[in-house]
Amino acid sequence: GSDAGEDKGADDLACALLTPGTKRCVASFVANRMRPEFERLCAAGTMRQLFRSGVVTARVVLVTYTLDMPGGARPGRGPAPSGPVTLSSRQVAAYWDSKDALLYVGEGGGPVSAVEVPRALAKGLLGDRGRLAEEFEDFVGRAMLMADDVSREAFLKHKGFSVPVAHGIPAAPAGTQA
């Protein structure tokens, strides 16, 4: 999970990073370059969560990894711990919480957000996929820096990517072909 000191006035740049067109670019990249993974993410509901995701700008984005210990007796060693045990905690520039459909972006991210947000989405969607995850980050980062969703649609067409049919995928901008 993540702990964030939320700011009510979300940074305009942070909100501009995860537009409907950016979400279409993410889905198109995964569907065109990693079709089995796209199908798995759709079946698991993860793509739908991405399409629903909003952005929260936070002073600090802290990701804490915990393990829920079952407890119980350990012969000769006493009772085992029970409940959540913190394994590690670290501050990050961006974190995508797929369960809650929220992208947390650290305050003052500016240009760093265009690098860190695609990295957070890659980690949340693809895990550790090496070169393909790097290609995804580059593609999504470029899409995020485009002026508008019409430009993002042109980018998809230029790359030869078809936009997949998926439940909840944002519609194409007015005046463009889906």
N, C-alpha and C. Protein backbone atom coordinates (compact mmCIF):
# COMPACT_ATOMS: atom_id res chain seq x y z
N GLY A 1 0.83 -1.18 0.00
CA GLY A 1 0.00 0.00 0.00
C GLY A 1 0.86 1.23 0.00
N SER A 2 0.23 2.38 -0.01
CA SER A 2 0.99 3.63 0.05
C SER A 2 0.35 4.56 1.04
N ASP A 3 1.18 5.34 1.68
CA ASP A 3 0.71 6.37 2.59
C ASP A 3 1.05 7.69 1.91
N ALA A 4 0.07 8.57 1.81
CA ALA A 4 0.36 9.84 1.15
C ALA A 4 -0.31 10.95 1.91
N GLY A 5 0.44 12.03 2.13
CA GLY A 5 -0.15 13.24 2.68
C GLY A 5 -0.81 13.96 1.51
N GLU A 6 -2.11 13.74 1.28
CA GLU A 6 -2.79 14.25 0.09
C GLU A 6 -2.94 15.76 0.13
N ASP A 7 -2.78 16.37 -1.06
CA ASP A 7 -3.05 17.79 -1.25
C ASP A 7 -4.34 17.89 -2.04
N LYS A 8 -5.28 18.68 -1.57
CA LYS A 8 -6.57 18.79 -2.23
C LYS A 8 -6.47 19.43 -3.61
N GLY A 9 -5.59 20.41 -3.80
CA GLY A 9 -5.42 21.03 -5.10
C GLY A 9 -4.41 20.24 -5.91
N ALA A 10 -4.87 19.23 -6.64
CA ALA A 10 -3.97 18.36 -7.39
C ALA A 10 -3.21 19.16 -8.44
N ASP A 11 -1.94 18.91 -8.54
CA ASP A 11 -1.07 19.56 -9.50
C ASP A 11 -1.57 19.31 -10.92
N ASP A 12 -1.73 20.38 -11.71
CA ASP A 12 -2.24 20.25 -13.07
C ASP A 12 -1.38 19.33 -13.92
N LEU A 13 -0.06 19.42 -13.77
CA LEU A 13 0.83 18.56 -14.55
C LEU A 13 0.59 17.10 -14.21
N ALA A 14 0.46 16.79 -12.93
CA ALA A 14 0.24 15.40 -12.53
C ALA A 14 -1.05 14.87 -13.14
N CYS A 15 -2.12 15.65 -13.11
CA CYS A 15 -3.40 15.21 -13.69
C CYS A 15 -3.29 15.05 -15.20
N ALA A 16 -2.48 15.89 -15.84
CA ALA A 16 -2.31 15.83 -17.29
C ALA A 16 -1.55 14.58 -17.72
N LEU A 17 -0.86 13.94 -16.80
CA LEU A 17 -0.07 12.76 -17.15
C LEU A 17 -0.92 11.53 -17.40
N LEU A 18 -2.07 11.42 -16.77
CA LEU A 18 -2.89 10.21 -16.90
C LEU A 18 -4.25 10.58 -17.50
N THR A 19 -4.22 11.05 -18.72
CA THR A 19 -5.44 11.44 -19.44
C THR A 19 -6.08 10.21 -20.07
N PRO A 20 -7.32 10.35 -20.56
CA PRO A 20 -7.91 9.22 -21.29
C PRO A 20 -7.03 8.77 -22.47
N GLY A 21 -6.42 9.71 -23.17
CA GLY A 21 -5.54 9.35 -24.29
C GLY A 21 -4.30 8.60 -23.84
N THR A 22 -3.75 8.98 -22.69
CA THR A 22 -2.59 8.25 -22.16
C THR A 22 -3.00 6.83 -21.80
N LYS A 23 -4.16 6.67 -21.21
CA LYS A 23 -4.65 5.33 -20.86
C LYS A 23 -4.83 4.48 -22.12
N ARG A 24 -5.33 5.11 -23.21
CA ARG A 24 -5.47 4.40 -24.48
C ARG A 24 -4.10 3.97 -25.01
N CYS A 25 -3.09 4.83 -24.83
CA CYS A 25 -1.73 4.50 -25.27
C CYS A 25 -1.18 3.32 -24.47
N VAL A 26 -1.39 3.33 -23.16
CA VAL A 26 -0.92 2.23 -22.32
C VAL A 26 -1.56 0.92 -22.78
N ALA A 27 -2.88 0.92 -22.92
CA ALA A 27 -3.60 -0.29 -23.34
C ALA A 27 -3.14 -0.74 -24.72
N SER A 28 -2.95 0.20 -25.62
CA SER A 28 -2.54 -0.14 -26.99
C SER A 28 -1.15 -0.75 -27.02
N PHE A 29 -0.22 -0.19 -26.24
CA PHE A 29 1.13 -0.75 -26.19
C PHE A 29 1.08 -2.19 -25.70
N VAL A 30 0.43 -2.41 -24.58
CA VAL A 30 0.40 -3.76 -24.01
C VAL A 30 -0.32 -4.73 -24.95
N ALA A 31 -1.44 -4.30 -25.54
CA ALA A 31 -2.20 -5.18 -26.43
C ALA A 31 -1.43 -5.51 -27.70
N ASN A 32 -0.69 -4.55 -28.23
CA ASN A 32 0.03 -4.76 -29.49
C ASN A 32 1.39 -5.43 -29.31
N ARG A 33 2.03 -5.23 -28.18
CA ARG A 33 3.38 -5.78 -27.97
C ARG A 33 3.40 -7.01 -27.06
N MET A 34 2.34 -7.18 -26.26
CA MET A 34 2.31 -8.27 -25.27
C MET A 34 0.88 -8.81 -25.15
N ARG A 35 0.32 -9.29 -26.23
CA ARG A 35 -1.09 -9.66 -26.25
C ARG A 35 -1.50 -10.62 -25.13
N PRO A 36 -0.75 -11.70 -24.86
CA PRO A 36 -1.16 -12.59 -23.76
C PRO A 36 -1.22 -11.86 -22.42
N GLU A 37 -0.27 -10.96 -22.19
CA GLU A 37 -0.26 -10.19 -20.94
C GLU A 37 -1.47 -9.26 -20.88
N PHE A 38 -1.82 -8.65 -22.01
CA PHE A 38 -3.01 -7.79 -22.07
C PHE A 38 -4.26 -8.59 -21.71
N GLU A 39 -4.40 -9.77 -22.28
CA GLU A 39 -5.57 -10.62 -21.99
C GLU A 39 -5.62 -10.98 -20.50
N ARG A 40 -4.43 -11.30 -19.94
CA ARG A 40 -4.37 -11.63 -18.51
C ARG A 40 -4.78 -10.44 -17.66
N LEU A 41 -4.27 -9.25 -18.00
CA LEU A 41 -4.59 -8.05 -17.24
C LEU A 41 -6.07 -7.70 -17.35
N CYS A 42 -6.66 -7.92 -18.52
CA CYS A 42 -8.10 -7.69 -18.68
C CYS A 42 -8.90 -8.67 -17.84
N ALA A 43 -8.53 -9.94 -17.90
CA ALA A 43 -9.25 -10.97 -17.14
C ALA A 43 -9.17 -10.71 -15.64
N ALA A 44 -8.03 -10.20 -15.18
CA ALA A 44 -7.84 -9.92 -13.75
C ALA A 44 -8.51 -8.61 -13.32
N GLY A 45 -8.99 -7.82 -14.28
CA GLY A 45 -9.61 -6.53 -13.95
C GLY A 45 -8.62 -5.39 -13.80
N THR A 46 -7.35 -5.66 -14.04
CA THR A 46 -6.31 -4.64 -13.85
C THR A 46 -6.42 -3.54 -14.89
N MET A 47 -6.71 -3.89 -16.14
CA MET A 47 -6.85 -2.85 -17.17
C MET A 47 -8.05 -1.96 -16.85
N ARG A 48 -9.13 -2.56 -16.39
CA ARG A 48 -10.30 -1.75 -16.03
C ARG A 48 -9.95 -0.77 -14.90
N GLN A 49 -9.16 -1.22 -13.94
CA GLN A 49 -8.71 -0.33 -12.86
C GLN A 49 -7.86 0.82 -13.40
N LEU A 50 -7.00 0.52 -14.38
CA LEU A 50 -6.21 1.58 -15.00
C LEU A 50 -7.13 2.61 -15.64
N PHE A 51 -8.14 2.15 -16.38
CA PHE A 51 -9.05 3.07 -17.07
C PHE A 51 -9.82 3.94 -16.08
N ARG A 52 -10.08 3.41 -14.89
CA ARG A 52 -10.80 4.15 -13.85
C ARG A 52 -9.89 5.07 -13.03
N SER A 53 -8.60 4.87 -13.12
CA SER A 53 -7.65 5.53 -12.23
C SER A 53 -7.68 7.05 -12.32
N GLY A 54 -7.57 7.65 -11.15
CA GLY A 54 -7.41 9.09 -11.02
C GLY A 54 -6.04 9.37 -10.46
N VAL A 55 -5.73 10.65 -10.31
CA VAL A 55 -4.41 11.08 -9.84
C VAL A 55 -4.55 11.83 -8.53
N VAL A 56 -3.68 11.53 -7.60
CA VAL A 56 -3.58 12.25 -6.33
C VAL A 56 -2.17 12.80 -6.24
N THR A 57 -2.06 14.10 -6.03
CA THR A 57 -0.76 14.71 -5.79
C THR A 57 -0.55 14.73 -4.29
N ALA A 58 0.61 14.28 -3.86
CA ALA A 58 0.89 14.17 -2.44
C ALA A 58 2.23 14.83 -2.12
N ARG A 59 2.34 15.34 -0.90
CA ARG A 59 3.62 15.90 -0.46
C ARG A 59 4.70 14.82 -0.51
N VAL A 60 4.37 13.65 0.02
CA VAL A 60 5.30 12.52 0.07
C VAL A 60 4.52 11.27 -0.31
N VAL A 61 5.13 10.45 -1.15
CA VAL A 61 4.55 9.15 -1.48
C VAL A 61 5.47 8.11 -0.86
N LEU A 62 4.95 7.40 0.11
CA LEU A 62 5.70 6.40 0.85
C LEU A 62 5.06 5.04 0.60
N VAL A 63 5.82 4.12 0.04
CA VAL A 63 5.33 2.76 -0.22
C VAL A 63 5.87 1.86 0.88
N THR A 64 4.96 1.16 1.52
CA THR A 64 5.32 0.26 2.62
C THR A 64 4.89 -1.15 2.25
N TYR A 65 5.84 -2.07 2.29
CA TYR A 65 5.56 -3.47 2.01
C TYR A 65 5.39 -4.20 3.34
N THR A 66 4.25 -4.90 3.45
CA THR A 66 3.97 -5.63 4.68
C THR A 66 3.67 -7.09 4.35
N LEU A 67 3.80 -7.93 5.36
CA LEU A 67 3.48 -9.34 5.25
C LEU A 67 2.54 -9.65 6.39
N ASP A 68 1.42 -10.27 6.07
CA ASP A 68 0.45 -10.63 7.10
C ASP A 68 0.83 -11.99 7.65
N MET A 69 1.29 -12.01 8.90
CA MET A 69 1.76 -13.25 9.54
C MET A 69 0.58 -13.96 10.20
N PRO A 70 0.48 -15.26 9.99
CA PRO A 70 -0.66 -15.99 10.55
C PRO A 70 -0.57 -16.24 12.06
N GLY A 71 0.61 -16.13 12.63
CA GLY A 71 0.77 -16.40 14.06
C GLY A 71 0.79 -17.89 14.33
N GLY A 72 0.54 -18.26 15.57
CA GLY A 72 0.52 -19.68 15.94
C GLY A 72 1.76 -20.05 16.73
N ALA A 73 1.76 -21.28 17.15
CA ALA A 73 2.86 -21.78 18.00
C ALA A 73 4.00 -22.29 17.13
N ARG A 74 5.21 -22.04 17.60
CA ARG A 74 6.42 -22.58 16.98
C ARG A 74 7.08 -23.44 18.05
N PRO A 75 7.06 -24.76 17.86
CA PRO A 75 7.61 -25.65 18.89
C PRO A 75 9.04 -25.27 19.29
N GLY A 76 9.23 -25.07 20.57
CA GLY A 76 10.54 -24.77 21.12
C GLY A 76 11.00 -23.33 20.91
N ARG A 77 10.20 -22.52 20.22
CA ARG A 77 10.64 -21.14 19.95
C ARG A 77 9.59 -20.12 20.38
N GLY A 78 8.50 -20.53 20.96
CA GLY A 78 7.48 -19.59 21.41
C GLY A 78 6.53 -19.22 20.28
N PRO A 79 5.63 -18.30 20.58
CA PRO A 79 4.61 -17.95 19.57
C PRO A 79 5.22 -17.15 18.41
N ALA A 80 4.70 -17.42 17.22
CA ALA A 80 5.12 -16.66 16.03
C ALA A 80 4.34 -15.35 15.99
N PRO A 81 4.94 -14.33 15.42
CA PRO A 81 4.22 -13.06 15.33
C PRO A 81 2.96 -13.23 14.49
N SER A 82 1.96 -12.44 14.81
CA SER A 82 0.74 -12.47 14.00
C SER A 82 0.38 -11.04 13.60
N GLY A 83 -0.37 -10.94 12.51
CA GLY A 83 -0.76 -9.63 12.00
C GLY A 83 0.27 -9.08 11.03
N PRO A 84 0.06 -7.85 10.60
CA PRO A 84 0.98 -7.27 9.60
C PRO A 84 2.35 -6.96 10.18
N VAL A 85 3.37 -7.34 9.43
CA VAL A 85 4.76 -7.06 9.79
C VAL A 85 5.36 -6.25 8.64
N THR A 86 5.92 -5.09 8.95
CA THR A 86 6.51 -4.24 7.93
C THR A 86 7.84 -4.83 7.47
N LEU A 87 7.95 -5.06 6.16
CA LEU A 87 9.18 -5.59 5.59
C LEU A 87 10.11 -4.46 5.16
N SER A 88 9.55 -3.45 4.50
CA SER A 88 10.35 -2.30 4.09
C SER A 88 9.43 -1.13 3.78
N SER A 89 10.02 0.03 3.76
CA SER A 89 9.28 1.25 3.46
C SER A 89 10.23 2.18 2.73
N ARG A 90 9.74 2.81 1.65
CA ARG A 90 10.61 3.74 0.93
C ARG A 90 9.79 4.84 0.27
N GLN A 91 10.41 5.98 0.12
CA GLN A 91 9.78 7.11 -0.54
C GLN A 91 9.99 6.96 -2.05
N VAL A 92 8.93 7.20 -2.84
CA VAL A 92 9.00 7.11 -4.29
C VAL A 92 8.40 8.37 -4.90
N ALA A 93 8.71 8.63 -6.16
CA ALA A 93 8.17 9.81 -6.85
C ALA A 93 6.75 9.56 -7.34
N ALA A 94 6.42 8.28 -7.64
CA ALA A 94 5.08 7.93 -8.12
C ALA A 94 4.79 6.48 -7.78
N TYR A 95 3.51 6.21 -7.53
CA TYR A 95 3.08 4.84 -7.23
C TYR A 95 1.67 4.66 -7.74
N TRP A 96 1.44 3.58 -8.52
CA TRP A 96 0.09 3.28 -8.98
C TRP A 96 -0.50 2.20 -8.11
N ASP A 97 -1.60 2.53 -7.42
CA ASP A 97 -2.32 1.59 -6.57
C ASP A 97 -3.48 1.04 -7.40
N SER A 98 -3.27 -0.10 -8.03
CA SER A 98 -4.28 -0.65 -8.93
C SER A 98 -5.56 -1.03 -8.18
N LYS A 99 -5.43 -1.50 -6.96
CA LYS A 99 -6.60 -1.91 -6.18
C LYS A 99 -7.57 -0.73 -5.97
N ASP A 100 -7.00 0.44 -5.61
CA ASP A 100 -7.83 1.61 -5.35
C ASP A 100 -7.96 2.53 -6.56
N ALA A 101 -7.37 2.14 -7.70
CA ALA A 101 -7.43 2.92 -8.94
C ALA A 101 -6.96 4.36 -8.72
N LEU A 102 -5.79 4.50 -8.09
CA LEU A 102 -5.20 5.82 -7.85
C LEU A 102 -3.74 5.82 -8.22
N LEU A 103 -3.34 6.88 -8.89
CA LEU A 103 -1.93 7.12 -9.17
C LEU A 103 -1.48 8.23 -8.24
N TYR A 104 -0.57 7.90 -7.34
CA TYR A 104 -0.01 8.89 -6.41
C TYR A 104 1.24 9.48 -7.04
N VAL A 105 1.30 10.80 -7.12
CA VAL A 105 2.45 11.48 -7.69
C VAL A 105 2.98 12.45 -6.64
N GLY A 106 4.27 12.37 -6.38
CA GLY A 106 4.90 13.25 -5.40
C GLY A 106 4.82 14.70 -5.82
N GLU A 107 4.56 15.57 -4.86
CA GLU A 107 4.47 17.00 -5.09
C GLU A 107 5.76 17.52 -5.71
N GLY A 108 5.61 18.43 -6.64
CA GLY A 108 6.78 19.03 -7.27
C GLY A 108 7.50 18.09 -8.20
N GLY A 109 6.81 17.06 -8.67
CA GLY A 109 7.45 16.09 -9.56
C GLY A 109 7.93 16.69 -10.86
N GLY A 110 7.15 17.62 -11.43
CA GLY A 110 7.53 18.28 -12.68
C GLY A 110 8.00 17.29 -13.72
N PRO A 111 9.13 17.59 -14.38
CA PRO A 111 9.63 16.70 -15.43
C PRO A 111 9.97 15.30 -14.92
N VAL A 112 10.31 15.18 -13.65
CA VAL A 112 10.60 13.86 -13.07
C VAL A 112 9.37 12.97 -13.18
N SER A 113 8.18 13.55 -13.07
CA SER A 113 6.95 12.76 -13.16
C SER A 113 6.83 12.05 -14.49
N ALA A 114 7.29 12.68 -15.56
CA ALA A 114 7.20 12.07 -16.89
C ALA A 114 8.10 10.84 -17.00
N VAL A 115 9.04 10.69 -16.09
CA VAL A 115 9.88 9.49 -16.04
C VAL A 115 9.33 8.52 -15.01
N GLU A 116 8.97 9.03 -13.86
CA GLU A 116 8.57 8.16 -12.75
C GLU A 116 7.16 7.59 -12.90
N VAL A 117 6.24 8.33 -13.49
CA VAL A 117 4.88 7.80 -13.67
C VAL A 117 4.88 6.60 -14.61
N PRO A 118 5.53 6.68 -15.79
CA PRO A 118 5.57 5.47 -16.63
C PRO A 118 6.25 4.29 -15.92
N ARG A 119 7.26 4.58 -15.10
CA ARG A 119 7.94 3.51 -14.34
C ARG A 119 6.96 2.88 -13.35
N ALA A 120 6.18 3.71 -12.66
CA ALA A 120 5.19 3.19 -11.70
C ALA A 120 4.13 2.36 -12.41
N LEU A 121 3.66 2.81 -13.57
CA LEU A 121 2.67 2.05 -14.33
C LEU A 121 3.27 0.74 -14.84
N ALA A 122 4.52 0.78 -15.30
CA ALA A 122 5.18 -0.44 -15.78
C ALA A 122 5.28 -1.46 -14.65
N LYS A 123 5.69 -0.99 -13.48
CA LYS A 123 5.83 -1.89 -12.34
C LYS A 123 4.47 -2.48 -11.94
N GLY A 124 3.42 -1.63 -11.93
CA GLY A 124 2.09 -2.11 -11.55
C GLY A 124 1.46 -3.03 -12.57
N LEU A 125 1.72 -2.80 -13.85
CA LEU A 125 1.12 -3.62 -14.89
C LEU A 125 1.97 -4.82 -15.29
N LEU A 126 3.27 -4.58 -15.44
CA LEU A 126 4.13 -5.59 -16.05
C LEU A 126 5.09 -6.26 -15.10
N GLY A 127 5.25 -5.70 -13.89
CA GLY A 127 6.24 -6.26 -12.98
C GLY A 127 7.63 -5.95 -13.49
N ASP A 128 8.54 -6.86 -13.32
CA ASP A 128 9.92 -6.67 -13.73
C ASP A 128 10.14 -7.40 -15.05
N ARG A 129 9.96 -6.70 -16.16
CA ARG A 129 10.06 -7.32 -17.48
C ARG A 129 11.28 -6.88 -18.28
N GLY A 130 12.24 -6.25 -17.63
CA GLY A 130 13.48 -5.88 -18.29
C GLY A 130 13.32 -4.95 -19.47
N ARG A 131 13.83 -5.36 -20.61
CA ARG A 131 13.87 -4.52 -21.82
C ARG A 131 12.47 -4.10 -22.27
N LEU A 132 11.50 -5.00 -22.23
CA LEU A 132 10.15 -4.65 -22.66
C LEU A 132 9.53 -3.61 -21.73
N ALA A 133 9.80 -3.70 -20.43
CA ALA A 133 9.31 -2.69 -19.49
C ALA A 133 9.95 -1.34 -19.78
N GLU A 134 11.23 -1.33 -20.16
CA GLU A 134 11.91 -0.08 -20.52
C GLU A 134 11.29 0.52 -21.77
N GLU A 135 10.97 -0.32 -22.75
CA GLU A 135 10.33 0.15 -23.98
C GLU A 135 8.94 0.74 -23.65
N PHE A 136 8.21 0.06 -22.76
CA PHE A 136 6.91 0.55 -22.32
C PHE A 136 7.06 1.93 -21.67
N GLU A 137 8.02 2.06 -20.75
CA GLU A 137 8.24 3.33 -20.05
C GLU A 137 8.54 4.45 -21.04
N ASP A 138 9.38 4.18 -22.03
CA ASP A 138 9.73 5.19 -23.03
C ASP A 138 8.49 5.59 -23.84
N PHE A 139 7.74 4.60 -24.29
CA PHE A 139 6.54 4.86 -25.10
C PHE A 139 5.52 5.68 -24.32
N VAL A 140 5.22 5.26 -23.10
CA VAL A 140 4.22 5.94 -22.29
C VAL A 140 4.71 7.34 -21.88
N GLY A 141 5.99 7.46 -21.56
CA GLY A 141 6.55 8.77 -21.23
C GLY A 141 6.40 9.75 -22.38
N ARG A 142 6.68 9.29 -23.59
CA ARG A 142 6.50 10.16 -24.77
C ARG A 142 5.05 10.54 -24.94
N ALA A 143 4.14 9.58 -24.76
CA ALA A 143 2.71 9.88 -24.90
C ALA A 143 2.26 10.91 -23.86
N MET A 144 2.78 10.79 -22.64
CA MET A 144 2.38 11.71 -21.57
C MET A 144 2.81 13.15 -21.85
N LEU A 145 3.91 13.31 -22.56
CA LEU A 145 4.42 14.65 -22.82
C LEU A 145 3.76 15.33 -24.02
N MET A 146 2.90 14.62 -24.72
CA MET A 146 2.21 15.21 -25.88
C MET A 146 1.18 16.22 -25.43
N ALA A 147 0.90 17.17 -26.31
CA ALA A 147 0.05 18.31 -25.98
C ALA A 147 -1.38 17.92 -25.64
N ASP A 148 -1.93 16.94 -26.32
CA ASP A 148 -3.34 16.60 -26.10
C ASP A 148 -3.62 15.18 -26.58
N ASP A 149 -4.86 14.73 -26.32
CA ASP A 149 -5.23 13.36 -26.67
C ASP A 149 -5.34 13.15 -28.18
N VAL A 150 -5.61 14.20 -28.95
CA VAL A 150 -5.63 14.08 -30.41
C VAL A 150 -4.21 13.73 -30.89
N SER A 151 -3.20 14.38 -30.32
CA SER A 151 -1.81 14.07 -30.66
C SER A 151 -1.46 12.64 -30.27
N ARG A 152 -1.98 12.18 -29.14
CA ARG A 152 -1.71 10.80 -28.71
C ARG A 152 -2.32 9.79 -29.68
N GLU A 153 -3.52 10.09 -30.21
CA GLU A 153 -4.14 9.20 -31.20
C GLU A 153 -3.28 9.14 -32.45
N ALA A 154 -2.76 10.28 -32.88
CA ALA A 154 -1.88 10.32 -34.06
C ALA A 154 -0.61 9.51 -33.80
N PHE A 155 -0.10 9.57 -32.57
CA PHE A 155 1.09 8.81 -32.18
C PHE A 155 0.82 7.31 -32.30
N LEU A 156 -0.35 6.86 -31.83
CA LEU A 156 -0.71 5.45 -31.95
C LEU A 156 -0.76 5.03 -33.41
N LYS A 157 -1.38 5.86 -34.23
CA LYS A 157 -1.50 5.56 -35.66
C LYS A 157 -0.11 5.50 -36.29
N HIS A 158 0.75 6.46 -35.94
CA HIS A 158 2.12 6.50 -36.48
C HIS A 158 2.88 5.22 -36.11
N LYS A 159 2.68 4.71 -34.91
CA LYS A 159 3.35 3.49 -34.45
C LYS A 159 2.74 2.23 -35.06
N GLY A 160 1.56 2.39 -35.70
CA GLY A 160 0.89 1.22 -36.28
C GLY A 160 0.15 0.40 -35.25
N PHE A 161 -0.13 0.99 -34.10
CA PHE A 161 -0.84 0.27 -33.04
C PHE A 161 -2.35 0.41 -33.23
N SER A 162 -3.04 -0.70 -33.10
CA SER A 162 -4.51 -0.64 -33.07
C SER A 162 -4.92 -0.53 -31.60
N VAL A 163 -5.97 0.23 -31.36
CA VAL A 163 -6.47 0.38 -30.00
C VAL A 163 -7.33 -0.85 -29.71
N PRO A 164 -7.04 -1.56 -28.63
CA PRO A 164 -7.78 -2.79 -28.36
C PRO A 164 -9.22 -2.52 -27.93
N VAL A 165 -10.03 -3.52 -28.10
CA VAL A 165 -11.38 -3.47 -27.58
C VAL A 165 -11.29 -4.03 -26.16
N ALA A 166 -11.61 -3.19 -25.19
CA ALA A 166 -11.54 -3.62 -23.80
C ALA A 166 -12.62 -2.89 -23.02
N HIS A 167 -13.25 -3.56 -22.09
CA HIS A 167 -14.29 -2.95 -21.29
C HIS A 167 -13.73 -1.78 -20.50
N GLY A 168 -14.33 -0.61 -20.67
CA GLY A 168 -13.93 0.56 -19.91
C GLY A 168 -12.87 1.42 -20.56
N ILE A 169 -12.35 1.02 -21.72
CA ILE A 169 -11.30 1.83 -22.35
C ILE A 169 -11.88 3.19 -22.74
N PRO A 170 -11.16 4.27 -22.46
CA PRO A 170 -11.67 5.59 -22.80
C PRO A 170 -11.90 5.72 -24.31
N ALA A 171 -12.90 6.51 -24.66
CA ALA A 171 -13.23 6.73 -26.07
C ALA A 171 -12.16 7.59 -26.73
N ALA A 172 -12.08 7.47 -28.05
CA ALA A 172 -11.17 8.31 -28.82
C ALA A 172 -11.66 9.75 -28.75
N PRO A 173 -10.74 10.72 -28.81
CA PRO A 173 -11.18 12.12 -28.81
C PRO A 173 -12.05 12.43 -30.02
N ALA A 174 -12.93 13.40 -29.87
CA ALA A 174 -13.81 13.82 -30.96
C ALA A 174 -12.96 14.22 -32.16
N GLY A 175 -13.41 13.81 -33.35
CA GLY A 175 -12.70 14.18 -34.56
C GLY A 175 -11.60 13.24 -34.97
N THR A 176 -11.38 12.16 -34.19
CA THR A 176 -10.37 11.17 -34.58
C THR A 176 -11.06 9.84 -34.80
N GLN A 177 -10.39 8.98 -35.54
CA GLN A 177 -10.93 7.63 -35.73
C GLN A 177 -10.53 6.74 -34.59
N ALA A 178 -11.45 5.92 -34.13
CA ALA A 178 -11.15 4.99 -33.04
C ALA A 178 -10.34 3.83 -33.55
